[in-house]
Protein backbone atom coordinates (compact mmCIF):
# COMPACT_ATOMS: atom_id res chain seq x y z
CA MET A 1 10.84 -12.89 -0.53
CA MET A 2 7.42 -14.28 0.09
CA ALA A 3 8.79 -17.14 2.15
CA SER A 4 10.32 -14.87 4.88
CA THR A 5 6.96 -13.41 5.55
CA LEU A 6 4.98 -16.65 5.73
CA HIS A 7 3.97 -18.32 8.94
CA GLN A 8 6.65 -19.60 11.21
CA GLY A 9 5.53 -23.21 10.56
CA ALA A 10 5.28 -22.99 6.72
CA PRO A 11 7.79 -25.20 4.83
CA GLU A 12 10.99 -23.45 3.87
CA PRO A 13 11.88 -23.22 1.01
CA LEU A 14 8.40 -23.42 -0.68
CA THR A 15 8.09 -25.74 -3.74
CA PRO A 16 6.74 -23.78 -6.91
CA LYS A 17 3.33 -25.16 -6.21
CA GLY A 18 3.46 -24.01 -2.73
CA ARG A 19 4.60 -20.39 -3.71
CA ASN A 20 1.83 -20.36 -6.26
CA THR A 21 -0.75 -21.34 -3.57
CA ALA A 22 0.65 -18.86 -1.11
CA ALA A 23 0.43 -16.11 -3.85
CA ARG A 24 -3.07 -17.02 -4.85
CA ILE A 25 -4.17 -16.71 -1.05
CA LEU A 26 -2.40 -13.33 -0.89
CA ASP A 27 -4.08 -12.10 -4.08
CA ALA A 28 -7.40 -13.28 -2.74
CA ALA A 29 -7.10 -11.64 0.47
CA THR A 30 -6.39 -8.37 -1.22
CA LEU A 31 -9.37 -8.81 -3.48
CA VAL A 32 -11.72 -9.68 -0.65
CA LEU A 33 -10.44 -6.89 1.58
CA ALA A 34 -10.98 -4.37 -1.18
CA ARG A 35 -14.29 -5.67 -1.95
CA ASP A 36 -15.84 -6.58 1.23
CA GLY A 37 -13.98 -4.37 3.89
CA MET A 38 -12.17 -5.51 6.97
CA GLY A 39 -14.95 -7.37 8.65
CA GLY A 40 -15.93 -9.13 5.47
CA ALA A 41 -12.49 -10.37 4.99
CA THR A 42 -12.93 -13.57 6.60
CA LEU A 43 -10.91 -16.84 6.15
CA GLY A 44 -13.74 -18.53 4.47
CA ARG A 45 -14.11 -15.90 2.00
CA ILE A 46 -10.58 -15.51 1.37
CA ALA A 47 -10.26 -19.45 0.90
CA ASP A 48 -13.24 -19.42 -1.45
CA ALA A 49 -11.67 -16.70 -3.64
CA ALA A 50 -8.29 -18.29 -3.73
CA GLY A 51 -9.86 -21.80 -4.33
CA VAL A 52 -8.25 -23.36 -1.46
CA ASP A 53 -9.24 -24.81 1.74
CA LYS A 54 -9.13 -22.55 4.93
CA ARG A 55 -6.52 -24.74 6.45
CA ASN A 56 -4.24 -23.75 3.57
CA ILE A 57 -4.30 -20.28 4.90
CA SER A 58 -3.31 -21.32 8.37
CA TYR A 59 -0.48 -23.49 6.84
CA TYR A 60 1.05 -20.74 4.83
CA TYR A 61 0.32 -17.65 6.86
CA GLY A 62 -0.71 -18.88 10.52
CA SER A 63 -3.51 -16.46 11.08
CA ARG A 64 -5.85 -13.90 9.24
CA GLU A 65 -3.86 -11.15 11.00
CA THR A 66 -0.43 -12.37 9.66
CA LEU A 67 -1.92 -12.73 6.20
CA LEU A 68 -3.42 -9.04 6.48
CA VAL A 69 0.00 -7.90 7.51
CA ARG A 70 1.49 -9.41 4.31
CA VAL A 71 -1.16 -7.58 2.36
CA VAL A 72 0.13 -4.27 3.78
CA GLN A 73 3.62 -5.18 2.91
CA ALA A 74 2.58 -6.25 -0.85
CA VAL A 75 0.74 -2.90 -0.90
CA GLY A 76 4.05 -1.10 0.20
CA GLU A 77 6.09 -3.07 -2.12
CA GLN A 78 3.91 -2.68 -5.30
CA MET A 79 3.57 1.21 -4.55
CA ALA A 80 7.30 1.44 -4.25
CA ARG A 81 7.77 -0.53 -7.55
CA GLY A 82 5.32 1.84 -9.14
CA MET A 83 7.29 4.79 -8.00
CA GLU A 84 10.60 3.48 -9.16
CA GLU A 85 9.20 2.77 -12.52
CA THR A 86 8.26 6.35 -12.96
CA ILE A 87 10.78 8.14 -11.10
CA GLY A 88 13.13 8.57 -14.09
CA GLU A 89 10.33 9.78 -16.37
CA SER A 90 11.33 13.59 -16.44
CA GLU A 91 7.76 14.82 -17.75
CA ARG A 92 6.21 13.57 -14.56
CA SER A 93 5.93 15.74 -11.65
CA ASN A 94 6.64 14.77 -7.93
CA ALA A 95 3.01 14.35 -7.10
CA GLU A 96 2.47 12.27 -10.31
CA VAL A 97 5.26 9.93 -9.42
CA LEU A 98 4.00 9.35 -6.02
CA TRP A 99 0.46 8.94 -7.34
CA ALA A 100 1.43 6.48 -10.01
CA GLY A 101 2.97 4.14 -7.37
CA ALA A 102 -0.23 4.48 -5.18
CA THR A 103 -2.52 3.77 -7.93
CA SER A 104 -0.71 1.29 -10.23
CA GLU A 105 -2.88 -1.53 -8.94
CA PRO A 106 -6.43 -0.40 -7.94
CA GLU A 107 -7.14 -3.46 -5.56
CA LEU A 108 -4.17 -2.80 -3.65
CA ALA A 109 -5.07 0.82 -3.19
CA ARG A 110 -8.67 -0.14 -2.13
CA ALA A 111 -7.28 -2.74 0.38
CA TYR A 112 -4.87 -0.29 1.71
CA ILE A 113 -7.66 2.31 2.43
CA THR A 114 -9.66 -0.46 3.93
CA LEU A 115 -6.88 -1.43 6.25
CA LEU A 116 -6.26 2.21 7.23
CA GLY A 117 -9.94 2.43 8.44
CA GLY A 118 -10.33 -0.78 10.04
CA SER A 119 -6.94 -1.92 11.81
CA ALA A 120 -7.39 -0.13 15.13
CA GLU A 121 -7.83 -3.25 17.09
CA THR A 122 -5.08 -5.35 15.38
CA PRO A 123 -1.64 -4.38 16.55
CA GLU A 124 0.16 -6.54 13.91
CA ILE A 125 -1.58 -4.64 11.19
CA ASP A 126 -1.14 -1.28 12.77
CA LEU A 127 2.75 -1.89 12.95
CA ALA A 128 2.73 -2.84 9.35
CA LEU A 129 0.76 0.28 8.41
CA THR A 130 2.98 2.36 10.57
CA ALA A 131 6.11 1.01 8.77
CA LEU A 132 4.52 1.70 5.49
CA LYS A 133 3.75 5.23 6.68
CA GLN A 134 7.26 5.71 7.59
CA ALA A 135 8.47 4.54 4.17
CA TRP A 136 6.14 6.88 2.46
CA LEU A 137 7.27 9.89 4.59
CA HIS A 138 10.77 9.03 3.77
CA MET A 139 10.19 8.79 0.10
CA ILE A 140 8.27 12.10 0.09
CA SER A 141 10.91 13.76 2.28
CA SER A 142 13.68 12.58 -0.24
CA ARG A 143 11.67 14.10 -3.05
CA LEU A 144 11.24 17.38 -1.15
CA ALA A 145 15.03 17.49 -0.48
CA HIS A 146 15.67 17.00 -3.99
CA ALA A 147 13.30 19.77 -4.75
CA GLY A 148 15.35 22.09 -2.50
CA HIS A 149 13.36 22.24 0.62
CA PRO A 150 15.29 23.01 3.75
CA ASP A 151 15.78 20.38 6.36
CA ASP A 152 13.71 22.09 9.02
CA SER A 153 10.65 22.22 6.87
CA ARG A 154 10.69 18.90 5.31
CA GLU A 155 9.34 16.48 8.00
CA ALA A 156 6.15 18.58 8.43
CA LEU A 157 5.78 19.23 4.74
CA ALA A 158 5.98 15.53 4.04
CA GLY A 159 3.20 14.80 6.51
CA VAL A 160 0.93 17.34 4.89
CA VAL A 161 1.71 15.77 1.39
CA LEU A 162 0.95 12.33 2.84
CA ALA A 163 -2.30 13.36 4.32
CA LEU A 164 -3.40 14.86 1.14
CA LEU A 165 -2.41 11.86 -1.02
CA ARG A 166 -4.25 9.68 1.32
CA GLY A 167 -7.31 11.78 1.20
CA LEU A 168 -7.09 11.86 -2.57
CA LEU A 169 -6.60 8.15 -2.57
CA ILE A 170 -9.94 7.74 -0.71
CA GLU A 171 -11.50 9.96 -3.29
CA TRP A 172 -10.06 8.13 -6.19
CA THR A 173 -11.18 4.85 -4.90
CA GLU A 174 -14.80 6.11 -4.76
CA THR A 175 -14.79 8.30 -7.97
CA GLY A 176 -11.80 7.21 -10.16
CA ASP A 177 -9.45 9.21 -12.31
CA GLY A 178 -10.89 12.56 -13.39
CA PRO A 179 -10.40 16.44 -13.63
CA ALA A 180 -10.82 16.67 -9.81
CA VAL A 181 -8.00 14.29 -9.30
CA THR A 182 -5.71 16.09 -11.84
CA ALA A 183 -6.41 19.23 -10.24
CA ALA A 184 -5.73 18.07 -6.66
CA LEU A 185 -2.37 16.58 -7.93
CA GLU A 186 -1.31 19.72 -9.40
CA ARG A 187 -2.02 21.45 -6.01
CA VAL A 188 -0.06 18.61 -4.14
CA ASP A 189 2.84 19.17 -6.67
CA ALA A 190 2.92 22.81 -5.79
CA LEU A 191 4.06 21.90 -2.36
CA PHE A 192 7.17 20.58 -3.65
CA THR A 193 8.23 23.93 -4.88
CA PRO A 194 9.88 25.83 -2.09
CA GLN A 195 8.61 29.19 -1.48
CA PRO A 196 10.88 32.15 -1.17
CA GLY A 197 11.33 33.40 2.28
């Protein structure tokens, strides 16, 4: 899967060493982005964190923007995996399942928030974030349908749930887990229960 999102000039297929290097660069980009923000996620800092030469980033990803698009995709993939892992756990509420996916890897969550706040000047990253948003909305809408919400209200309600979860994710990246997050998730989960009417 990694090879399909690498730079066009990257070797195909990658050797085990090449896959390892590309993965280290991706992990380093996520870490630096979460730690230093959009402006601080320079190729030099990413290369230093990965323990590679800057030319390796160009070799595997082509550009900083392409690498950051891959970070967005990795965020989405990990969040989806986290949700899939908890979806069968009957004791978890809808909001808890979504939340578990969003927070399963804190650095990815921080990188996602950073990208949301700093991608306005980068169309490639905006497109990747839009695709991730649509995937989230679809997942939330599916859970709303399963909970019994009628078709005509699901789209708007999914947007509200997503906005609340994003806001809560910002709070969580600043303060961590605690009673405020738990209480907010209970309120979000209440939105999954159709109101008579």
